C-alpha atoms as a PDB file:
ATOM      1  CA  MET A   1     124.790 106.169 109.860  1.00  0.00           C
ATOM      2  CA  GLU A   2     125.193 104.332 113.309  1.00  0.00           C
ATOM      3  CA  PRO A   3     122.225 103.756 114.711  1.00  0.00           C
ATOM      4  CA  LEU A   4     121.377 106.223 117.761  1.00  0.00           C
ATOM      5  CA  ILE A   5     120.859 104.375 120.957  1.00  0.00           C
ATOM      6  CA  ILE A   6     119.200 105.867 124.072  1.00  0.00           C
ATOM      7  CA  CYS A   7     118.857 104.291 127.688  1.00  0.00           C
ATOM      8  CA  GLY A   8     116.003 106.520 129.202  1.00  0.00           C
ATOM      9  CA  ASP A   9     112.781 106.468 129.781  1.00  0.00           C
ATOM     10  CA  SER A  10     110.668 104.899 126.882  1.00  0.00           C
ATOM     11  CA  LEU A  11     107.770 107.284 125.761  1.00  0.00           C
ATOM     12  CA  GLN A  12     109.571 110.474 127.939  1.00  0.00           C
ATOM     13  CA  ILE A  13     112.247 110.483 124.782  1.00  0.00           C
ATOM     14  CA  MET A  14     109.308 110.039 122.003  1.00  0.00           C
ATOM     15  CA  ARG A  15     108.021 113.095 122.907  1.00  0.00           C
ATOM     16  CA  THR A  16     111.818 114.873 122.233  1.00  0.00           C
ATOM     17  CA  ILE A  17     111.279 113.398 118.780  1.00  0.00           C
ATOM     18  CA  PRO A  18     109.882 116.124 115.691  1.00  0.00           C
ATOM     19  CA  GLU A  19     106.179 115.620 114.860  1.00  0.00           C
ATOM     20  CA  SER A  20     105.949 113.315 111.508  1.00  0.00           C
ATOM     21  CA  SER A  21     109.795 112.309 111.393  1.00  0.00           C
ATOM     22  CA  ILE A  22     109.501 108.954 111.462  1.00  0.00           C
ATOM     23  CA  HIS A  23     108.874 106.496 109.019  1.00  0.00           C
ATOM     24  CA  LEU A  24     108.289 102.991 111.207  1.00  0.00           C
ATOM     25  CA  VAL A  25     107.815 102.350 114.863  1.00  0.00           C
ATOM     26  CA  PHE A  26     108.839  98.737 114.868  1.00  0.00           C
ATOM     27  CA  THR A  27     109.051  97.205 118.350  1.00  0.00           C
ATOM     28  CA  ASP A  28     108.144  94.179 120.723  1.00  0.00           C
ATOM     29  CA  PRO A  29     107.130  96.022 124.408  1.00  0.00           C
ATOM     30  CA  PRO A  30     106.066  94.558 127.429  1.00  0.00           C
ATOM     31  CA  TYR A  31     103.042  93.005 128.112  1.00  0.00           C
ATOM     32  CA  SER A  32     101.950  91.761 131.813  1.00  0.00           C
ATOM     33  CA  ASP A  33      99.351  92.918 133.030  1.00  0.00           C
ATOM     34  CA  GLN A  34     101.083  96.236 134.971  1.00  0.00           C
ATOM     35  CA  SER A  35     102.316  97.206 131.268  1.00  0.00           C
ATOM     36  CA  MET A  36      98.974  97.124 128.862  1.00  0.00           C
ATOM     37  CA  PRO A  37      99.301 101.483 130.278  1.00  0.00           C
ATOM     38  CA  LEU A  38     101.757 101.983 128.061  1.00  0.00           C
ATOM     39  CA  TYR A  39     100.209 100.397 124.278  1.00  0.00           C
ATOM     40  CA  GLU A  40      98.216 103.992 124.642  1.00  0.00           C
ATOM     41  CA  SER A  41     100.977 105.920 125.385  1.00  0.00           C
ATOM     42  CA  LEU A  42     102.616 104.776 122.748  1.00  0.00           C
ATOM     43  CA  ALA A  43      99.792 105.234 119.890  1.00  0.00           C
ATOM     44  CA  LYS A  44      98.811 108.728 120.421  1.00  0.00           C
ATOM     45  CA  GLU A  45     102.978 109.171 120.561  1.00  0.00           C
ATOM     46  CA  SER A  46     103.412 106.978 117.019  1.00  0.00           C
ATOM     47  CA  SER A  47     100.944 109.620 116.213  1.00  0.00           C
ATOM     48  CA  ARG A  48     102.595 112.186 116.161  1.00  0.00           C
ATOM     49  CA  VAL A  49     106.273 111.459 114.754  1.00  0.00           C
ATOM     50  CA  LEU A  50     105.039 108.968 111.939  1.00  0.00           C
ATOM     51  CA  ALA A  51     104.926 110.417 108.774  1.00  0.00           C
ATOM     52  CA  PRO A  52     101.616 109.902 106.771  1.00  0.00           C
ATOM     53  CA  GLY A  53     101.096 106.771 105.600  1.00  0.00           C
ATOM     54  CA  GLY A  54     103.967 105.293 108.790  1.00  0.00           C
ATOM     55  CA  SER A  55     103.052 102.294 109.956  1.00  0.00           C
ATOM     56  CA  LEU A  56     103.484 101.212 113.900  1.00  0.00           C
ATOM     57  CA  ILE A  57     104.463  97.048 113.924  1.00  0.00           C
ATOM     58  CA  VAL A  58     103.915  95.666 117.301  1.00  0.00           C
ATOM     59  CA  LEU A  59     104.817  92.433 118.826  1.00  0.00           C
ATOM     60  CA  THR A  60     102.293  91.287 121.277  1.00  0.00           C
ATOM     61  CA  GLY A  61     100.054  88.064 122.754  1.00  0.00           C
ATOM     62  CA  ILE A  62      97.282  86.641 121.584  1.00  0.00           C
ATOM     63  CA  TYR A  63      95.650  86.839 124.720  1.00  0.00           C
ATOM     64  CA  ARG A  64      96.600  90.436 124.753  1.00  0.00           C
ATOM     65  CA  MET A  65      95.348  91.136 121.376  1.00  0.00           C
ATOM     66  CA  PRO A  66      91.905  92.061 121.230  1.00  0.00           C
ATOM     67  CA  GLU A  67      92.295  95.023 123.737  1.00  0.00           C
ATOM     68  CA  ILE A  68      95.565  95.855 121.965  1.00  0.00           C
ATOM     69  CA  ILE A  69      94.010  96.437 119.297  1.00  0.00           C
ATOM     70  CA  ASN A  70      90.826  98.412 120.742  1.00  0.00           C
ATOM     71  CA  THR A  71      93.338 100.458 122.590  1.00  0.00           C
ATOM     72  CA  MET A  72      95.828 101.663 119.887  1.00  0.00           C
ATOM     73  CA  ALA A  73      92.874 102.347 116.687  1.00  0.00           C
ATOM     74  CA  LYS A  74      91.847 105.409 119.008  1.00  0.00           C
ATOM     75  CA  TYR A  75      94.905 107.590 117.640  1.00  0.00           C
ATOM     76  CA  LEU A  76      96.125 105.068 114.558  1.00  0.00           C
ATOM     77  CA  THR A  77      93.590 102.983 111.746  1.00  0.00           C
ATOM     78  CA  TYR A  78      94.150  98.975 111.993  1.00  0.00           C
ATOM     79  CA  TYR A  79      95.326  97.397 109.496  1.00  0.00           C
ATOM     80  CA  TRP A  80      96.572  94.066 109.651  1.00  0.00           C
ATOM     81  CA  CYS A  81      97.596  91.284 112.134  1.00  0.00           C
ATOM     82  CA  CYS A  82     100.511  89.123 110.733  1.00  0.00           C
ATOM     83  CA  SER A  83     101.458  85.819 112.415  1.00  0.00           C
ATOM     84  CA  LEU A  84     105.521  85.369 114.512  1.00  0.00           C
ATOM     85  CA  TYR A  85     105.361  81.661 114.742  1.00  0.00           C
ATOM     86  CA  HIS A  86     107.160  80.222 117.435  1.00  0.00           C
ATOM     87  CA  LYS A  87     110.272  77.570 116.759  1.00  0.00           C
ATOM     88  CA  GLN A  88     109.325  75.176 119.692  1.00  0.00           C
ATOM     89  CA  ALA A  89     105.538  75.390 121.114  1.00  0.00           C
ATOM     90  CA  SER A  90     105.039  77.046 124.465  1.00  0.00           C
ATOM     91  CA  VAL A  91     101.679  76.489 126.718  1.00  0.00           C
ATOM     92  CA  PHE A  92      99.583  79.583 127.540  1.00  0.00           C
ATOM     93  CA  HIS A  93      98.650  78.416 131.317  1.00  0.00           C
ATOM     94  CA  LYS A  94      95.785  80.443 131.560  1.00  0.00           C
ATOM     95  CA  ARG A  95      93.876  78.898 128.813  1.00  0.00           C
ATOM     96  CA  ASN A  96      95.882  75.053 128.428  1.00  0.00           C
ATOM     97  CA  VAL A  97      95.880  75.734 124.461  1.00  0.00           C
ATOM     98  CA  ARG A  98      99.599  75.563 122.653  1.00  0.00           C
ATOM     99  CA  GLN A  99     100.635  78.564 121.779  1.00  0.00           C
ATOM    100  CA  VAL A 100     102.395  78.304 117.669  1.00  0.00           C
ATOM    101  CA  TRP A 101     101.978  81.897 116.619  1.00  0.00           C
ATOM    102  CA  LYS A 102     102.675  85.848 118.336  1.00  0.00           C
ATOM    103  CA  PRO A 103     100.815  88.196 116.431  1.00  0.00           C
ATOM    104  CA  ILE A 104     102.533  91.071 115.718  1.00  0.00           C
ATOM    105  CA  LEU A 105      99.425  94.472 114.747  1.00  0.00           C
ATOM    106  CA  TRP A 106     100.116  96.377 111.841  1.00  0.00           C
ATOM    107  CA  PHE A 107      98.701  99.840 111.771  1.00  0.00           C
ATOM    108  CA  THR A 108      98.926 102.597 110.534  1.00  0.00           C
ATOM    109  CA  LYS A 109      98.778 107.000 110.216  1.00  0.00           C
ATOM    110  CA  GLY A 110      95.374 106.878 108.268  1.00  0.00           C
ATOM    111  CA  VAL A 111      96.054 105.377 104.201  1.00  0.00           C
ATOM    112  CA  SER A 112      99.053 103.187 104.451  1.00  0.00           C
ATOM    113  CA  LEU A 113     102.073 104.708 102.396  1.00  0.00           C
ATOM    114  CA  PRO A 114     102.755 101.927  99.103  1.00  0.00           C
ATOM    115  CA  HIS A 115     104.644  98.618  99.693  1.00  0.00           C
ATOM    116  CA  GLY A 116     105.638  95.695  97.659  1.00  0.00           C
ATOM    117  CA  GLU A 117     103.190  92.248  98.887  1.00  0.00           C
ATOM    118  CA  ILE A 118     104.204  91.330 102.080  1.00  0.00           C
ATOM    119  CA  ASP A 119     103.925  88.086 103.731  1.00  0.00           C
ATOM    120  CA  ASP A 120     101.682  87.839 106.978  1.00  0.00           C
ATOM    121  CA  GLY A 121     103.582  84.607 108.547  1.00  0.00           C
ATOM    122  CA  ILE A 122     107.016  84.760 109.482  1.00  0.00           C
ATOM    123  CA  ARG A 123     109.055  82.246 110.794  1.00  0.00           C
ATOM    124  CA  PRO A 124     111.709  82.964 112.342  1.00  0.00           C
ATOM    125  CA  THR A 125     115.760  81.425 110.880  1.00  0.00           C
ATOM    126  CA  GLY A 126     116.717  80.229 115.029  1.00  0.00           C
ATOM    127  CA  ALA A 127     115.940  80.608 118.528  1.00  0.00           C
ATOM    128  CA  GLU A 128     118.686  83.576 118.786  1.00  0.00           C
ATOM    129  CA  LYS A 129     118.692  84.303 122.394  1.00  0.00           C
ATOM    130  CA  ASP A 130     122.704  85.245 122.264  1.00  0.00           C
ATOM    131  CA  TYR A 131     122.190  87.822 125.066  1.00  0.00           C
ATOM    132  CA  HIS A 132     118.382  87.837 125.736  1.00  0.00           C
ATOM    133  CA  TYR A 133     115.860  85.181 126.875  1.00  0.00           C
ATOM    134  CA  GLN A 134     113.047  87.097 125.421  1.00  0.00           C
ATOM    135  CA  GLN A 135     115.473  88.435 122.682  1.00  0.00           C
ATOM    136  CA  GLN A 136     113.867  87.811 119.254  1.00  0.00           C
ATOM    137  CA  ALA A 137     114.900  86.380 115.675  1.00  0.00           C
ATOM    138  CA  GLU A 138     116.012  89.092 113.420  1.00  0.00           C
ATOM    139  CA  SER A 139     114.076  87.465 110.419  1.00  0.00           C
ATOM    140  CA  TRP A 140     111.141  89.303 111.361  1.00  0.00           C
ATOM    141  CA  ALA A 141     113.027  92.603 111.132  1.00  0.00           C
ATOM    142  CA  LEU A 142     114.483  92.389 108.628  1.00  0.00           C
ATOM    143  CA  HIS A 143     110.844  91.652 106.576  1.00  0.00           C
ATOM    144  CA  PHE A 144     109.355  94.397 107.548  1.00  0.00           C
ATOM    145  CA  ILE A 145     112.198  96.893 107.725  1.00  0.00           C
ATOM    146  CA  THR A 146     113.255  95.787 104.562  1.00  0.00           C
ATOM    147  CA  ALA A 147     109.874  95.882 102.933  1.00  0.00           C
ATOM    148  CA  LEU A 148     108.406  99.392 104.772  1.00  0.00           C
ATOM    149  CA  VAL A 149     111.526 101.091 105.011  1.00  0.00           C
ATOM    150  CA  PRO A 150     113.321 102.464 102.229  1.00  0.00           C
ATOM    151  CA  VAL A 151     117.057 103.370 102.464  1.00  0.00           C
ATOM    152  CA  GLY A 152     117.509 105.706 104.769  1.00  0.00           C
ATOM    153  CA  ARG A 153     114.191 106.779 106.335  1.00  0.00           C
ATOM    154  CA  THR A 154     114.635 106.334 109.846  1.00  0.00           C
ATOM    155  CA  VAL A 155     113.116 103.566 112.030  1.00  0.00           C
ATOM    156  CA  LEU A 156     112.052 103.867 115.946  1.00  0.00           C
ATOM    157  CA  ASP A 157     111.929 101.250 118.272  1.00  0.00           C
ATOM    158  CA  PRO A 158     110.680 102.445 121.806  1.00  0.00           C
ATOM    159  CA  PHE A 159     112.260  99.348 123.438  1.00  0.00           C
ATOM    160  CA  VAL A 160     114.582  98.358 122.057  1.00  0.00           C
ATOM    161  CA  GLY A 161     115.904  95.308 123.579  1.00  0.00           C
ATOM    162  CA  THR A 162     119.182  93.850 122.927  1.00  0.00           C
ATOM    163  CA  GLY A 163     118.737  95.094 119.677  1.00  0.00           C
ATOM    164  CA  THR A 164     118.126  93.381 117.655  1.00  0.00           C
ATOM    165  CA  THR A 165     116.243  96.338 115.378  1.00  0.00           C
ATOM    166  CA  ALA A 166     118.901  98.602 115.775  1.00  0.00           C
ATOM    167  CA  ILE A 167     121.284  95.403 113.655  1.00  0.00           C
ATOM    168  CA  ILE A 168     119.061  95.123 110.877  1.00  0.00           C
ATOM    169  CA  CYS A 169     118.944  98.944 110.185  1.00  0.00           C
ATOM    170  CA  LYS A 170     122.501  98.865 110.211  1.00  0.00           C
ATOM    171  CA  ARG A 171     122.853  96.111 107.963  1.00  0.00           C
ATOM    172  CA  LEU A 172     120.558  97.623 104.964  1.00  0.00           C
ATOM    173  CA  GLY A 173     121.031 101.425 105.104  1.00  0.00           C
ATOM    174  CA  ARG A 174     118.315 102.578 107.147  1.00  0.00           C
ATOM    175  CA  ASN A 175     118.001 104.866 109.544  1.00  0.00           C
ATOM    176  CA  CYS A 176     116.993 104.413 113.619  1.00  0.00           C
ATOM    177  CA  ILE A 177     116.741 105.207 116.931  1.00  0.00           C
ATOM    178  CA  GLY A 178     116.267 103.147 119.313  1.00  0.00           C
ATOM    179  CA  ILE A 179     115.460 103.209 122.979  1.00  0.00           C
ATOM    180  CA  ASP A 180     115.082 101.274 126.690  1.00  0.00           C
ATOM    181  CA  SER A 181     115.094 101.997 130.100  1.00  0.00           C
ATOM    182  CA  ASP A 182     118.109  99.098 130.991  1.00  0.00           C
ATOM    183  CA  PRO A 183     120.923  99.910 131.015  1.00  0.00           C
ATOM    184  CA  LYS A 184     122.191  96.532 130.906  1.00  0.00           C
ATOM    185  CA  GLN A 185     120.274  95.923 127.530  1.00  0.00           C
ATOM    186  CA  ILE A 186     121.940  98.875 126.365  1.00  0.00           C
ATOM    187  CA  GLU A 187     125.719  97.753 126.742  1.00  0.00           C
ATOM    188  CA  ALA A 188     123.787  94.520 125.100  1.00  0.00           C
ATOM    189  CA  THR A 189     122.800  96.499 121.890  1.00  0.00           C
ATOM    190  CA  GLU A 190     126.175  98.324 121.510  1.00  0.00           C
ATOM    191  CA  LYS A 191     128.195  95.562 121.888  1.00  0.00           C
ATOM    192  CA  ARG A 192     125.832  93.906 119.239  1.00  0.00           C
ATOM    193  CA  LEU A 193     126.586  96.790 116.967  1.00  0.00           C
ATOM    194  CA  LYS A 194     130.337  96.871 117.630  1.00  0.00           C
ATOM    195  CA  LEU A 195     130.282  94.111 115.849  1.00  0.00           C
ATOM    196  CA  GLU A 196     128.668  94.145 112.945  1.00  0.00           C
ATOM    197  CA  ILE A 197     131.211  95.391 110.131  1.00  0.00           C
END
């Protein structure tokens, strides 16, 4: 099935998705100061659209981790923290720390659905910045979607960006709904999907 890609306000569109219809919410939202309120809305809407035992996987910054866990745990069960290693370390200038990984927070709706063994550390296969400077490597999406989502089930990415989640879902035979408010990002996603056989 071809991924459904929608341009618009992510949280408003999430409110139109049927209850308990999503197996995995998988996303990399912004985590600037002004973006922090969206995490509560994301968790609240995810708790509604996720099937019982479904997962929310969200990439974030280390310095935001305690705040985001506390906020999202009001609606979902905190399950695990995984790590996405950087291809090249960056310095977090506010605290003068050389950052070599980024946290991937894993929440579930109640008790997690059964899944096989899964590593909690992912090393990207490459920088993969062909479509956007914030584009994430396909390896992190492949890692979680393969392990957590059976064929034919649905993945939702409310901040789909340039479409890494949609690409992996298409390759793996998983349904995907991708949302983004930026028309240029949606255009890049659609371009990438057309290149997929």
